[in-house]
Amino acid sequence: MVFNMKKLHFMLLAFGLLVSTNTLFAQAKKPTLIILPSDNWCEQRYFMTEFDNQGTKQKVPNYKQAFQEDTEIGQVISKIGSLMIDRGFPLKDAEQELKAIETRAAEDNMTASKTSGAELNESPLDILKNKAKADIIIQIWWKVSKTEEGKVISFVLEAFDAYTNKRIAASSGNGNPGNDIVPILLETAILNNIDPFVNQLQAHFDDLLENGREIRLTVRTWDNWEHDLESEFDGEELRDLIYEWVQKNAVAGRFNETNSSEYRIDYEQLRIPVYDDKGRALDARQYARQLVKYLNGAPFDFEVKLITRGLGEVILVLGEK
């Protein structure tokens, strides 16, 4: 009886460990996704618009128009989203995010610089990134060809890191001939290629969790500032003190200083934690705010202008706001 009780205890312990391991695996963090039509798809269907990027005209996809006027895009994104949700990936709804942005448009249009009266200047995609705060943007392109056996659909599915715009996963292929509607044909074609694509997404996100998210940080100075980045504080140059702060607050001290002068510092491939100490997603702006607080304090007492570009790039201008 003693032997049987020990055996039973061992079996229960092993079962408990197995359940615990599986639970931890099931709870592994997944990247948040948002799905959009590709630039090429929007260009082919004339869903493009121009905006003024600091005096230069730039064409960008008009996602709002695409969702309003195209009869397939909503269904296509819904089908792909369903495949991703089935694999445990949190999904942001692009159409709903665009509607939420529009409700704030009038408020943003009234926002202007306190000094010069200049207006806010962001690309439509940057606005969407900042609002949705997804980790990964998936873009879909497709084309339908007619054959004697039925319609054949070709597709390209690409994933980009929302912070760096680097391509991190891709899948393409052709579906089998059929007579179903386009969203179903596309879903079937993608389903045959989805697992390697998903594995690439998860591998990228696992790397972020282990090694940090990549951002770009630039520190500059106003031309009327009384100091520069070679000014000394407590016996050290300001740029060296900033370097030490970045090194201390980068994941494993990983970053590249690509430029350092009396007026400008550029840090690239700067790895920051994916989440802060409260479990909230950390972007370039939130990270840079910590550096701003450091520069606001003793012995500096600087005013600092913080400028963001998308989720993954931030510029600090020292001297005034």
Protein backbone atom coordinates (compact mmCIF):
# COMPACT_ATOMS: atom_id res chain seq x y z
CA MET A 1 0.00 0.00 0.00
CA VAL A 2 2.89 2.36 0.82
CA PHE A 3 4.44 1.67 -2.59
CA ASN A 4 1.16 2.32 -4.38
CA MET A 5 0.61 5.62 -2.54
CA LYS A 6 4.11 6.79 -3.49
CA LYS A 7 3.50 5.76 -7.08
CA LEU A 8 0.17 7.62 -7.10
CA HIS A 9 1.82 10.71 -5.59
CA PHE A 10 4.53 10.64 -8.27
CA MET A 11 1.97 10.29 -11.07
CA LEU A 12 -0.07 13.23 -9.74
CA LEU A 13 3.07 15.35 -9.46
CA ALA A 14 4.12 14.52 -13.03
CA PHE A 15 0.62 15.29 -14.30
CA GLY A 16 0.64 18.63 -12.46
CA LEU A 17 3.98 19.58 -14.01
CA LEU A 18 2.69 18.64 -17.46
CA VAL A 19 -0.45 20.75 -17.04
CA SER A 20 1.60 23.66 -15.69
CA THR A 21 4.00 23.49 -18.64
CA ASN A 22 1.17 23.38 -21.15
CA THR A 23 -0.56 26.29 -19.42
CA LEU A 24 2.60 28.39 -19.59
CA PHE A 25 3.00 27.53 -23.26
CA ALA A 26 -0.61 28.45 -24.00
CA GLN A 27 -0.11 31.77 -22.19
CA ALA A 28 3.04 32.66 -24.15
CA LYS A 29 2.84 36.24 -25.31
CA LYS A 30 1.84 36.79 -28.91
CA PRO A 31 2.43 39.92 -31.02
CA THR A 32 -0.55 42.17 -31.70
CA LEU A 33 -1.39 42.36 -35.42
CA ILE A 34 -3.20 44.72 -37.74
CA ILE A 35 -4.05 43.73 -41.33
CA LEU A 36 -4.10 46.22 -44.20
CA PRO A 37 -4.23 46.09 -48.01
CA SER A 38 -0.77 46.50 -49.55
CA ASP A 39 0.40 49.75 -51.13
CA ASN A 40 0.46 48.07 -54.55
CA TRP A 41 -3.11 46.80 -54.14
CA CYS A 42 -4.27 50.33 -53.24
CA GLU A 43 -2.34 51.84 -56.16
CA GLN A 44 -3.89 49.42 -58.65
CA ARG A 45 -7.37 50.32 -57.46
CA TYR A 46 -6.70 54.08 -57.16
CA PHE A 47 -7.13 54.14 -53.39
CA MET A 48 -4.30 56.63 -52.92
CA THR A 49 -4.09 60.17 -51.64
CA GLU A 50 -1.45 62.87 -51.35
CA PHE A 51 -0.29 64.61 -48.20
CA ASP A 52 2.28 67.30 -47.53
CA ASN A 53 5.36 65.81 -45.85
CA GLN A 54 7.32 68.91 -44.80
CA GLY A 55 6.83 70.56 -48.19
CA THR A 56 7.15 67.38 -50.26
CA LYS A 57 4.06 65.79 -51.81
CA GLN A 58 3.84 62.11 -50.94
CA LYS A 59 1.32 59.48 -52.08
CA VAL A 60 0.01 57.08 -49.48
CA PRO A 61 -2.79 54.49 -49.38
CA ASN A 62 -6.24 55.83 -48.58
CA TYR A 63 -7.43 53.01 -46.34
CA LYS A 64 -10.68 54.73 -45.44
CA GLN A 65 -11.68 54.97 -49.10
CA ALA A 66 -10.68 51.34 -49.68
CA PHE A 67 -12.90 50.09 -46.85
CA GLN A 68 -15.80 52.26 -47.95
CA GLU A 69 -15.71 51.54 -51.69
CA ASP A 70 -14.21 48.08 -52.20
CA THR A 71 -16.64 45.20 -51.72
CA GLU A 72 -13.96 42.55 -51.04
CA ILE A 73 -11.33 44.07 -48.75
CA GLY A 74 -13.41 43.89 -45.56
CA GLN A 75 -14.26 40.23 -46.15
CA VAL A 76 -10.67 39.37 -47.11
CA ILE A 77 -9.22 40.94 -43.97
CA SER A 78 -11.90 39.21 -41.88
CA LYS A 79 -10.95 35.82 -43.34
CA ILE A 80 -7.20 36.34 -42.78
CA GLY A 81 -7.88 37.73 -39.31
CA SER A 82 -9.87 34.62 -38.44
CA LEU A 83 -6.91 32.43 -39.43
CA MET A 84 -4.59 34.46 -37.19
CA ILE A 85 -7.01 34.51 -34.25
CA ASP A 86 -7.37 30.72 -34.50
CA ARG A 87 -3.59 30.58 -33.96
CA GLY A 88 -3.78 32.75 -30.87
CA PHE A 89 -2.68 36.13 -32.25
CA PRO A 90 -4.43 39.27 -30.89
CA LEU A 91 -5.82 41.34 -33.75
CA LYS A 92 -6.59 45.05 -34.06
CA ASP A 93 -9.45 45.90 -36.45
CA ALA A 94 -8.05 48.38 -38.99
CA GLU A 95 -11.44 49.69 -40.09
CA GLN A 96 -12.56 50.39 -36.53
CA GLU A 97 -9.24 52.05 -35.69
CA LEU A 98 -9.63 54.33 -38.72
CA LYS A 99 -13.11 55.34 -37.56
CA ALA A 100 -11.76 56.15 -34.10
CA ILE A 101 -9.01 58.28 -35.64
CA GLU A 102 -11.55 60.20 -37.69
CA THR A 103 -13.48 61.20 -34.58
CA ARG A 104 -10.33 62.91 -33.28
CA ALA A 105 -9.45 64.59 -36.57
CA ALA A 106 -11.26 67.85 -35.81
CA GLU A 107 -9.51 68.05 -32.45
CA ASP A 108 -6.08 67.48 -34.03
CA ASN A 109 -6.80 70.06 -36.73
CA MET A 110 -7.15 72.65 -33.98
CA THR A 111 -3.77 71.73 -32.45
CA ALA A 112 -0.96 74.14 -33.26
CA SER A 113 2.49 75.12 -32.01
CA LYS A 114 2.47 77.57 -29.10
CA THR A 115 5.34 79.51 -30.66
CA SER A 116 4.89 79.59 -34.45
CA GLY A 117 1.32 78.38 -34.98
CA ALA A 118 2.55 75.41 -37.07
CA GLU A 119 0.14 72.49 -37.41
CA LEU A 120 0.70 68.81 -36.68
CA ASN A 121 2.40 66.94 -39.51
CA GLU A 122 2.09 63.15 -39.66
CA SER A 123 1.55 60.67 -42.45
CA PRO A 124 -1.78 58.77 -42.39
CA LEU A 125 0.05 55.49 -41.72
CA ASP A 126 1.97 57.02 -38.79
CA ILE A 127 -1.33 58.20 -37.33
CA LEU A 128 -2.78 54.68 -37.66
CA LYS A 129 0.34 53.10 -36.12
CA ASN A 130 0.29 55.45 -33.16
CA LYS A 131 -3.40 54.83 -32.54
CA ALA A 132 -3.50 51.06 -33.02
CA LYS A 133 -0.07 50.38 -31.44
CA ALA A 134 0.18 46.98 -33.10
CA ASP A 135 3.49 45.12 -33.01
CA ILE A 136 3.22 43.86 -36.57
CA ILE A 137 1.51 45.16 -39.71
CA ILE A 138 0.39 42.48 -42.17
CA GLN A 139 -0.20 43.62 -45.74
CA ILE A 140 -2.15 41.58 -48.30
CA TRP A 141 -2.10 41.77 -52.10
CA TRP A 142 -4.09 39.52 -54.40
CA LYS A 143 -5.05 39.13 -58.04
CA VAL A 144 -7.69 36.96 -59.69
CA SER A 145 -7.07 35.26 -63.06
CA LYS A 146 -9.70 33.42 -65.06
CA THR A 147 -8.89 29.99 -66.50
CA GLU A 148 -10.90 27.23 -68.14
CA GLU A 149 -11.00 25.38 -64.79
CA GLY A 150 -12.23 28.45 -62.89
CA LYS A 151 -10.81 31.44 -61.07
CA VAL A 152 -7.22 31.22 -59.83
CA ILE A 153 -6.10 33.57 -57.11
CA SER A 154 -2.51 34.72 -56.57
CA PHE A 155 -1.52 36.38 -53.30
CA VAL A 156 1.39 37.97 -51.47
CA LEU A 157 1.23 38.19 -47.68
CA GLU A 158 3.93 40.28 -45.99
CA ALA A 159 4.54 41.26 -42.37
CA PHE A 160 6.45 44.32 -41.20
CA ASP A 161 7.67 45.34 -37.78
CA ALA A 162 5.52 48.38 -36.97
CA TYR A 163 8.44 50.08 -35.20
CA THR A 164 11.22 49.65 -37.78
CA ASN A 165 9.23 48.93 -41.00
CA LYS A 166 11.53 45.93 -41.57
CA ARG A 167 10.01 42.95 -43.39
CA ILE A 168 9.92 40.04 -40.94
CA ALA A 169 7.78 37.43 -42.73
CA ALA A 170 6.45 36.73 -46.20
CA SER A 171 4.32 34.16 -47.97
CA SER A 172 3.06 33.95 -51.53
CA GLY A 173 1.36 31.43 -53.74
CA ASN A 174 -1.47 30.49 -56.06
CA GLY A 175 -4.74 28.85 -55.10
CA ASN A 176 -6.43 25.98 -56.89
CA PRO A 177 -8.98 26.85 -59.60
CA GLY A 178 -12.49 27.34 -58.25
CA ASN A 179 -15.71 29.27 -58.56
CA ASP A 180 -16.14 30.49 -54.97
CA ILE A 181 -16.13 34.17 -54.11
CA VAL A 182 -12.72 35.86 -53.83
CA PRO A 183 -12.49 35.96 -50.00
CA ILE A 184 -13.05 32.19 -49.77
CA LEU A 185 -10.61 31.41 -52.60
CA LEU A 186 -8.03 33.62 -50.91
CA GLU A 187 -8.61 32.09 -47.48
CA THR A 188 -8.08 28.60 -48.94
CA ALA A 189 -4.92 29.64 -50.78
CA ILE A 190 -3.43 31.30 -47.69
CA LEU A 191 -4.41 28.41 -45.42
CA ASN A 192 -2.08 26.12 -47.36
CA ASN A 193 0.82 28.51 -46.65
CA ILE A 194 -0.07 29.99 -43.27
CA ASP A 195 1.95 27.90 -40.82
CA PRO A 196 5.47 28.86 -42.03
CA PHE A 197 4.32 32.49 -42.11
CA VAL A 198 3.00 32.31 -38.54
CA ASN A 199 6.21 30.64 -37.38
CA GLN A 200 8.22 33.56 -38.80
CA LEU A 201 6.00 36.04 -36.95
CA GLN A 202 6.37 34.24 -33.65
CA ALA A 203 10.14 33.82 -34.08
CA HIS A 204 10.48 37.57 -34.61
CA PHE A 205 8.37 38.36 -31.54
CA ASP A 206 10.28 35.84 -29.41
CA ASP A 207 13.47 37.65 -30.43
CA LEU A 208 11.92 40.96 -29.33
CA LEU A 209 10.98 39.52 -25.95
CA GLU A 210 14.49 38.18 -25.42
CA ASN A 211 16.62 40.92 -27.00
CA GLY A 212 14.35 43.99 -26.93
CA ARG A 213 12.47 46.04 -29.48
CA GLU A 214 14.51 48.07 -31.96
CA ILE A 215 14.09 51.86 -32.14
CA ARG A 216 16.00 54.92 -33.32
CA LEU A 217 16.85 57.83 -31.01
CA THR A 218 18.27 61.20 -32.09
CA VAL A 219 19.41 63.97 -29.76
CA ARG A 220 19.83 67.47 -31.21
CA THR A 221 20.14 71.05 -29.98
CA TRP A 222 18.49 74.35 -30.91
CA ASP A 223 20.91 76.80 -32.54
CA ASN A 224 20.19 79.46 -29.90
CA TRP A 225 20.92 77.19 -26.91
CA GLU A 226 23.60 78.32 -24.46
CA HIS A 227 25.07 74.79 -24.27
CA ASP A 228 26.01 72.07 -26.74
CA LEU A 229 26.58 68.32 -26.43
CA GLU A 230 30.23 68.84 -25.51
CA SER A 231 29.35 71.07 -22.52
CA GLU A 232 30.59 69.55 -19.27
CA PHE A 233 28.51 68.64 -16.22
CA ASP A 234 30.09 67.11 -13.14
CA GLY A 235 33.33 66.82 -15.08
CA GLU A 236 31.89 64.86 -18.04
CA GLU A 237 30.69 65.91 -21.48
CA LEU A 238 26.92 65.90 -21.91
CA ARG A 239 27.07 63.48 -24.84
CA ASP A 240 29.03 61.00 -22.67
CA LEU A 241 26.45 61.27 -19.90
CA ILE A 242 23.65 60.63 -22.40
CA TYR A 243 25.62 57.68 -23.80
CA GLU A 244 25.94 56.20 -20.31
CA TRP A 245 22.18 56.62 -19.71
CA VAL A 246 21.30 54.91 -22.99
CA GLN A 247 23.75 52.09 -22.33
CA LYS A 248 22.26 51.53 -18.88
CA ASN A 249 18.67 51.57 -20.17
CA ALA A 250 19.12 49.52 -23.36
CA VAL A 251 18.39 45.79 -23.24
CA ALA A 252 21.77 44.12 -22.63
CA GLY A 253 23.36 47.48 -23.53
CA ARG A 254 22.64 46.85 -27.22
CA PHE A 255 22.70 49.87 -29.56
CA ASN A 256 24.87 51.58 -32.18
CA GLU A 257 26.01 55.18 -31.88
CA THR A 258 26.29 56.15 -35.56
CA ASN A 259 26.95 59.86 -35.04
CA SER A 260 28.23 61.97 -32.14
CA SER A 261 29.11 65.65 -32.42
CA GLU A 262 28.65 68.82 -30.42
CA TYR A 263 25.22 69.30 -32.03
CA ARG A 264 23.81 65.85 -32.75
CA ILE A 265 23.82 62.24 -31.55
CA ASP A 266 22.24 59.33 -33.45
CA TYR A 267 21.51 55.98 -31.82
CA GLU A 268 20.31 53.22 -34.15
CA GLN A 269 19.30 49.61 -33.51
CA LEU A 270 18.66 50.66 -29.93
CA ARG A 271 17.00 47.77 -28.14
CA ILE A 272 14.36 48.68 -25.56
CA PRO A 273 12.09 46.39 -23.50
CA VAL A 274 8.85 45.33 -25.18
CA TYR A 275 6.96 45.95 -21.93
CA ASP A 276 7.56 48.28 -19.01
CA ASP A 277 7.70 47.18 -15.37
CA LYS A 278 3.87 47.34 -15.21
CA GLY A 279 3.42 45.03 -18.21
CA ARG A 280 2.39 47.82 -20.60
CA ALA A 281 3.67 47.97 -24.18
CA LEU A 282 6.66 50.32 -24.43
CA ASP A 283 7.21 52.40 -27.56
CA ALA A 284 9.97 54.85 -28.53
CA ARG A 285 8.11 57.84 -27.09
CA GLN A 286 7.51 56.24 -23.70
CA TYR A 287 11.16 55.16 -23.55
CA ALA A 288 12.42 58.62 -24.52
CA ARG A 289 10.25 60.27 -21.86
CA GLN A 290 12.47 58.58 -19.27
CA LEU A 291 15.51 60.24 -20.84
CA VAL A 292 13.65 63.57 -20.88
CA LYS A 293 13.03 63.24 -17.12
CA TYR A 294 16.75 62.57 -16.63
CA LEU A 295 17.65 65.71 -18.59
CA ASN A 296 14.99 67.76 -16.77
CA GLY A 297 16.66 66.95 -13.45
CA ALA A 298 19.87 68.03 -11.74
CA PRO A 299 22.49 68.96 -12.75
CA PHE A 300 20.98 69.77 -16.17
CA ASP A 301 17.56 71.35 -15.71
CA PHE A 302 17.06 71.39 -19.51
CA GLU A 303 13.90 72.07 -21.46
CA VAL A 304 13.47 69.32 -24.05
CA LYS A 305 11.30 69.10 -27.17
CA LEU A 306 10.17 65.52 -27.85
CA ILE A 307 9.22 64.65 -31.45
CA THR A 308 8.06 61.20 -32.60
CA ARG A 309 7.95 59.59 -36.02
CA GLY A 310 5.73 56.55 -35.94
CA LEU A 311 6.22 54.11 -33.07
CA GLY A 312 9.93 53.46 -33.50
CA GLU A 313 11.69 56.81 -33.91
CA VAL A 314 12.03 59.72 -31.52
CA ILE A 315 13.94 63.00 -31.64
CA LEU A 316 14.90 65.08 -28.61
CA VAL A 317 15.84 68.72 -29.16
CA LEU A 318 17.57 70.28 -26.17
CA GLY A 319 17.19 73.91 -25.10
CA GLU A 320 13.51 74.73 -25.32
CA LYS A 321 10.11 73.34 -26.32
